[in-house]
């Protein structure tokens, strides 16, 4: 499943089979998500609203496929209970997480 640019992923439960890819999106994951999920986060304009599930891993991945650098910014009251992994596929791109001011 691919979530397009500028979209919102609001994951409230159930299960995804296969890859979940978001690019330049808002991400909100409820604590009711109990099945393990791995979400690839691409592009420089991603906002983590919440990841209230320990079962969800966010892979912030800088790569050519995602337009280069990958950034996941947290909102003022964002919560992350899951994992955030920073990775890059190419040498000239970066992956980073940032707190909003």
N, C-alpha and C. Protein backbone atom coordinates (compact mmCIF):
# COMPACT_ATOMS: atom_id res chain seq x y z
N UNK A 1 0.84 -1.16 0.00
CA UNK A 1 0.00 0.00 0.00
C UNK A 1 0.89 1.23 0.00
N UNK A 2 0.60 2.16 -0.88
CA UNK A 2 1.35 3.41 -0.96
C UNK A 2 0.40 4.56 -0.64
N UNK A 3 0.80 5.37 0.32
CA UNK A 3 0.04 6.56 0.70
C UNK A 3 0.69 7.74 -0.02
N UNK A 4 -0.03 8.43 -0.88
CA UNK A 4 0.51 9.48 -1.72
C UNK A 4 0.93 10.72 -0.98
N UNK A 5 1.64 11.57 -1.68
CA UNK A 5 2.14 12.83 -1.12
C UNK A 5 1.00 13.67 -0.56
N UNK A 6 1.25 14.22 0.62
CA UNK A 6 0.29 15.11 1.25
C UNK A 6 -0.91 14.40 1.87
N UNK A 7 -0.87 13.08 1.94
CA UNK A 7 -1.99 12.31 2.48
C UNK A 7 -1.83 12.10 3.98
N UNK A 8 -2.83 11.44 4.56
CA UNK A 8 -2.79 11.09 5.99
C UNK A 8 -2.96 9.59 6.14
N UNK A 9 -2.12 9.01 6.98
CA UNK A 9 -2.28 7.61 7.35
C UNK A 9 -2.78 7.60 8.79
N UNK A 10 -4.02 7.15 8.99
CA UNK A 10 -4.59 7.01 10.32
C UNK A 10 -4.88 5.52 10.51
N UNK A 11 -4.00 4.84 11.22
CA UNK A 11 -4.04 3.38 11.39
C UNK A 11 -4.68 3.11 12.75
N UNK A 12 -5.88 2.51 12.75
CA UNK A 12 -6.62 2.31 14.00
C UNK A 12 -6.67 0.86 14.45
N UNK A 13 -6.24 -0.06 13.62
CA UNK A 13 -6.26 -1.48 14.00
C UNK A 13 -6.31 -2.36 12.77
N UNK A 14 -6.37 -3.63 13.02
CA UNK A 14 -6.37 -4.57 11.90
C UNK A 14 -4.96 -4.93 11.50
N UNK A 15 -4.81 -5.33 10.26
CA UNK A 15 -3.51 -5.84 9.82
C UNK A 15 -3.28 -5.45 8.37
N UNK A 16 -2.05 -5.10 8.05
CA UNK A 16 -1.64 -4.85 6.68
C UNK A 16 -0.79 -6.01 6.22
N UNK A 17 -1.04 -6.48 5.03
CA UNK A 17 -0.18 -7.50 4.41
C UNK A 17 0.63 -6.80 3.33
N UNK A 18 1.92 -6.92 3.39
CA UNK A 18 2.78 -6.25 2.41
C UNK A 18 3.32 -4.94 2.94
N UNK A 19 3.99 -4.22 2.03
CA UNK A 19 4.63 -2.96 2.40
C UNK A 19 3.62 -1.84 2.58
N UNK A 20 3.92 -0.98 3.53
CA UNK A 20 3.20 0.28 3.69
C UNK A 20 4.24 1.37 3.46
N UNK A 21 3.98 2.23 2.49
CA UNK A 21 4.92 3.30 2.16
C UNK A 21 4.17 4.62 2.20
N UNK A 22 4.70 5.58 2.95
CA UNK A 22 4.13 6.92 2.97
C UNK A 22 5.20 7.89 2.48
N UNK A 23 4.74 8.94 1.81
CA UNK A 23 5.68 9.96 1.35
C UNK A 23 5.06 11.32 1.59
N UNK A 24 5.79 12.15 2.35
CA UNK A 24 5.33 13.50 2.67
C UNK A 24 3.91 13.46 3.23
N UNK A 25 3.72 12.71 4.30
CA UNK A 25 2.39 12.45 4.84
C UNK A 25 2.33 12.71 6.34
N UNK A 26 1.10 12.80 6.86
CA UNK A 26 0.86 12.84 8.30
C UNK A 26 0.59 11.41 8.75
N UNK A 27 1.22 11.01 9.86
CA UNK A 27 1.12 9.64 10.35
C UNK A 27 0.52 9.65 11.75
N UNK A 28 -0.58 8.92 11.91
CA UNK A 28 -1.25 8.83 13.21
C UNK A 28 -1.62 7.36 13.43
N UNK A 29 -1.00 6.73 14.42
CA UNK A 29 -1.21 5.31 14.69
C UNK A 29 -1.74 5.16 16.11
N UNK A 30 -2.89 4.51 16.22
CA UNK A 30 -3.56 4.36 17.51
C UNK A 30 -2.98 3.20 18.32
N UNK A 31 -3.18 3.23 19.62
CA UNK A 31 -2.70 2.17 20.51
C UNK A 31 -3.43 0.85 20.28
N UNK A 32 -4.56 0.89 19.60
CA UNK A 32 -5.33 -0.32 19.30
C UNK A 32 -4.69 -1.18 18.22
N UNK A 33 -3.61 -0.70 17.59
CA UNK A 33 -2.88 -1.49 16.59
C UNK A 33 -1.99 -2.46 17.34
N UNK A 34 -2.26 -3.75 17.22
CA UNK A 34 -1.51 -4.75 17.97
C UNK A 34 -0.72 -5.70 17.08
N UNK A 35 -1.00 -5.72 15.78
CA UNK A 35 -0.23 -6.56 14.85
C UNK A 35 1.00 -5.79 14.39
N UNK A 36 2.11 -6.48 14.31
CA UNK A 36 3.35 -5.84 13.89
C UNK A 36 3.20 -5.24 12.50
N UNK A 37 3.68 -4.02 12.35
CA UNK A 37 3.65 -3.34 11.06
C UNK A 37 4.95 -2.58 10.88
N UNK A 38 5.38 -2.50 9.65
CA UNK A 38 6.61 -1.83 9.27
C UNK A 38 6.23 -0.81 8.21
N UNK A 39 6.42 0.47 8.49
CA UNK A 39 6.01 1.53 7.58
C UNK A 39 7.24 2.28 7.10
N UNK A 40 7.43 2.31 5.77
CA UNK A 40 8.54 3.08 5.18
C UNK A 40 8.09 4.52 5.02
N UNK A 41 8.91 5.45 5.51
CA UNK A 41 8.61 6.88 5.48
C UNK A 41 9.62 7.54 4.54
N UNK A 42 9.12 8.06 3.42
CA UNK A 42 9.98 8.66 2.39
C UNK A 42 9.66 10.14 2.23
N UNK A 43 10.64 10.91 1.80
CA UNK A 43 10.43 12.32 1.50
C UNK A 43 10.71 13.22 2.69
N UNK A 44 10.88 14.53 2.42
CA UNK A 44 11.30 15.47 3.46
C UNK A 44 10.18 16.13 4.27
N UNK A 45 8.91 15.82 3.99
CA UNK A 45 7.81 16.56 4.64
C UNK A 45 6.84 15.63 5.35
N UNK A 46 7.33 14.80 6.24
CA UNK A 46 6.47 13.88 7.01
C UNK A 46 6.27 14.42 8.42
N UNK A 47 5.06 14.24 8.94
CA UNK A 47 4.74 14.68 10.28
C UNK A 47 4.20 13.51 11.09
N UNK A 48 4.85 13.22 12.20
CA UNK A 48 4.36 12.19 13.11
C UNK A 48 3.39 12.85 14.09
N UNK A 49 2.11 12.53 13.94
CA UNK A 49 1.10 13.01 14.87
C UNK A 49 1.20 12.15 16.13
N UNK A 50 1.14 10.84 15.97
CA UNK A 50 1.31 9.87 17.06
C UNK A 50 1.66 8.50 16.51
N UNK A 51 2.47 7.77 17.25
CA UNK A 51 2.63 6.34 17.07
C UNK A 51 2.44 5.75 18.46
N UNK A 52 1.20 5.48 18.80
CA UNK A 52 0.87 5.00 20.15
C UNK A 52 0.93 3.48 20.26
N UNK A 53 1.45 2.82 19.24
CA UNK A 53 1.53 1.36 19.24
C UNK A 53 2.98 0.89 19.28
N UNK A 54 3.28 0.04 20.22
CA UNK A 54 4.60 -0.56 20.30
C UNK A 54 4.85 -1.59 19.21
N UNK A 55 3.81 -1.95 18.46
CA UNK A 55 3.93 -2.95 17.40
C UNK A 55 4.36 -2.35 16.07
N UNK A 56 4.44 -1.02 15.98
CA UNK A 56 4.71 -0.37 14.70
C UNK A 56 6.11 0.23 14.66
N UNK A 57 6.84 -0.10 13.59
CA UNK A 57 8.16 0.46 13.34
C UNK A 57 8.07 1.40 12.15
N UNK A 58 8.61 2.61 12.31
CA UNK A 58 8.69 3.58 11.22
C UNK A 58 10.12 3.60 10.71
N UNK A 59 10.30 3.27 9.43
CA UNK A 59 11.62 3.31 8.80
C UNK A 59 11.71 4.60 7.99
N UNK A 60 12.42 5.58 8.51
CA UNK A 60 12.63 6.84 7.82
C UNK A 60 13.81 6.61 6.89
N UNK A 61 13.51 6.56 5.57
CA UNK A 61 14.49 6.04 4.62
C UNK A 61 14.80 7.04 3.52
N UNK A 62 16.00 7.59 3.56
CA UNK A 62 16.47 8.45 2.48
C UNK A 62 16.87 7.60 1.30
N UNK A 63 16.28 7.87 0.14
CA UNK A 63 16.58 7.10 -1.07
C UNK A 63 16.09 7.85 -2.29
N UNK A 64 16.61 7.50 -3.45
CA UNK A 64 16.18 8.14 -4.69
C UNK A 64 14.70 7.93 -4.93
N UNK A 65 14.19 6.76 -4.57
CA UNK A 65 12.77 6.45 -4.77
C UNK A 65 11.87 7.46 -4.08
N UNK A 66 12.30 7.96 -2.91
CA UNK A 66 11.51 8.91 -2.14
C UNK A 66 11.87 10.36 -2.40
N UNK A 67 12.69 10.62 -3.41
CA UNK A 67 13.05 11.98 -3.73
C UNK A 67 14.28 12.49 -2.99
N UNK A 68 15.06 11.58 -2.40
CA UNK A 68 16.28 11.99 -1.71
C UNK A 68 16.15 11.87 -0.20
N UNK A 69 16.45 12.97 0.49
CA UNK A 69 16.44 12.96 1.96
C UNK A 69 15.06 12.61 2.51
N UNK A 70 15.06 11.96 3.66
CA UNK A 70 13.81 11.63 4.36
C UNK A 70 13.84 12.30 5.73
N UNK A 71 12.74 12.95 6.09
CA UNK A 71 12.65 13.65 7.37
C UNK A 71 11.30 13.31 8.00
N UNK A 72 11.32 13.00 9.28
CA UNK A 72 10.10 12.79 10.06
C UNK A 72 10.12 13.80 11.19
N UNK A 73 9.21 14.76 11.14
CA UNK A 73 9.10 15.80 12.16
C UNK A 73 7.98 15.41 13.11
N UNK A 74 8.20 15.66 14.40
CA UNK A 74 7.15 15.37 15.38
C UNK A 74 6.37 16.63 15.69
N UNK A 75 5.08 16.46 15.94
CA UNK A 75 4.24 17.59 16.34
C UNK A 75 4.49 17.94 17.80
N UNK A 76 3.90 19.02 18.26
CA UNK A 76 4.10 19.51 19.62
C UNK A 76 3.79 18.47 20.70
N UNK A 77 2.72 17.73 20.55
CA UNK A 77 2.31 16.75 21.57
C UNK A 77 2.41 15.31 21.06
N UNK A 78 3.27 15.08 20.08
CA UNK A 78 3.42 13.74 19.51
C UNK A 78 3.92 12.74 20.52
N UNK A 79 3.46 11.51 20.37
CA UNK A 79 3.89 10.40 21.20
C UNK A 79 4.41 9.30 20.28
N UNK A 80 5.52 8.69 20.66
CA UNK A 80 6.01 7.53 19.92
C UNK A 80 6.29 6.41 20.91
N UNK A 81 5.53 5.33 20.81
CA UNK A 81 5.73 4.16 21.66
C UNK A 81 6.47 3.08 20.88
N UNK A 82 6.37 3.14 19.55
CA UNK A 82 7.02 2.16 18.68
C UNK A 82 8.48 2.51 18.44
N UNK A 83 9.00 1.98 17.36
CA UNK A 83 10.39 2.22 17.01
C UNK A 83 10.48 3.15 15.81
N UNK A 84 11.53 3.97 15.79
CA UNK A 84 11.86 4.78 14.63
C UNK A 84 13.28 4.39 14.23
N UNK A 85 13.43 3.97 12.98
CA UNK A 85 14.72 3.55 12.45
C UNK A 85 15.10 4.52 11.34
N UNK A 86 16.31 5.06 11.38
CA UNK A 86 16.81 5.96 10.35
C UNK A 86 17.75 5.19 9.44
N UNK A 87 17.54 5.31 8.12
CA UNK A 87 18.38 4.57 7.17
C UNK A 87 18.51 5.36 5.88
N UNK A 88 19.56 5.07 5.16
CA UNK A 88 19.71 5.64 3.83
C UNK A 88 20.19 4.54 2.89
N UNK A 89 19.75 4.64 1.66
CA UNK A 89 20.14 3.64 0.66
C UNK A 89 21.29 4.17 -0.18
N UNK A 90 21.30 5.45 -0.49
CA UNK A 90 22.34 6.04 -1.32
C UNK A 90 23.27 6.89 -0.46
N UNK A 91 24.47 7.13 -0.94
CA UNK A 91 25.46 7.88 -0.18
C UNK A 91 25.15 9.36 -0.08
N UNK A 92 24.39 9.91 -0.99
CA UNK A 92 24.16 11.35 -1.02
C UNK A 92 22.81 11.77 -0.46
N UNK A 93 22.16 10.89 0.25
CA UNK A 93 20.89 11.25 0.87
C UNK A 93 20.97 11.02 2.37
N UNK A 94 20.05 11.60 3.11
CA UNK A 94 20.08 11.50 4.57
C UNK A 94 18.71 11.11 5.08
N UNK A 95 18.70 10.59 6.28
CA UNK A 95 17.45 10.29 6.99
C UNK A 95 17.57 10.92 8.36
N UNK A 96 16.53 11.65 8.78
CA UNK A 96 16.60 12.30 10.08
C UNK A 96 15.23 12.46 10.70
N UNK A 97 15.23 12.55 12.01
CA UNK A 97 14.03 12.82 12.77
C UNK A 97 14.24 14.17 13.45
N UNK A 98 13.19 14.96 13.52
CA UNK A 98 13.32 16.31 14.10
C UNK A 98 12.11 16.63 14.95
N UNK A 99 12.33 17.35 16.04
CA UNK A 99 11.24 17.86 16.85
C UNK A 99 10.83 19.21 16.30
N UNK A 100 9.53 19.47 16.29
CA UNK A 100 9.08 20.79 15.85
C UNK A 100 9.41 21.81 16.93
N UNK A 101 9.63 23.06 16.53
CA UNK A 101 10.00 24.09 17.52
C UNK A 101 8.87 24.39 18.48
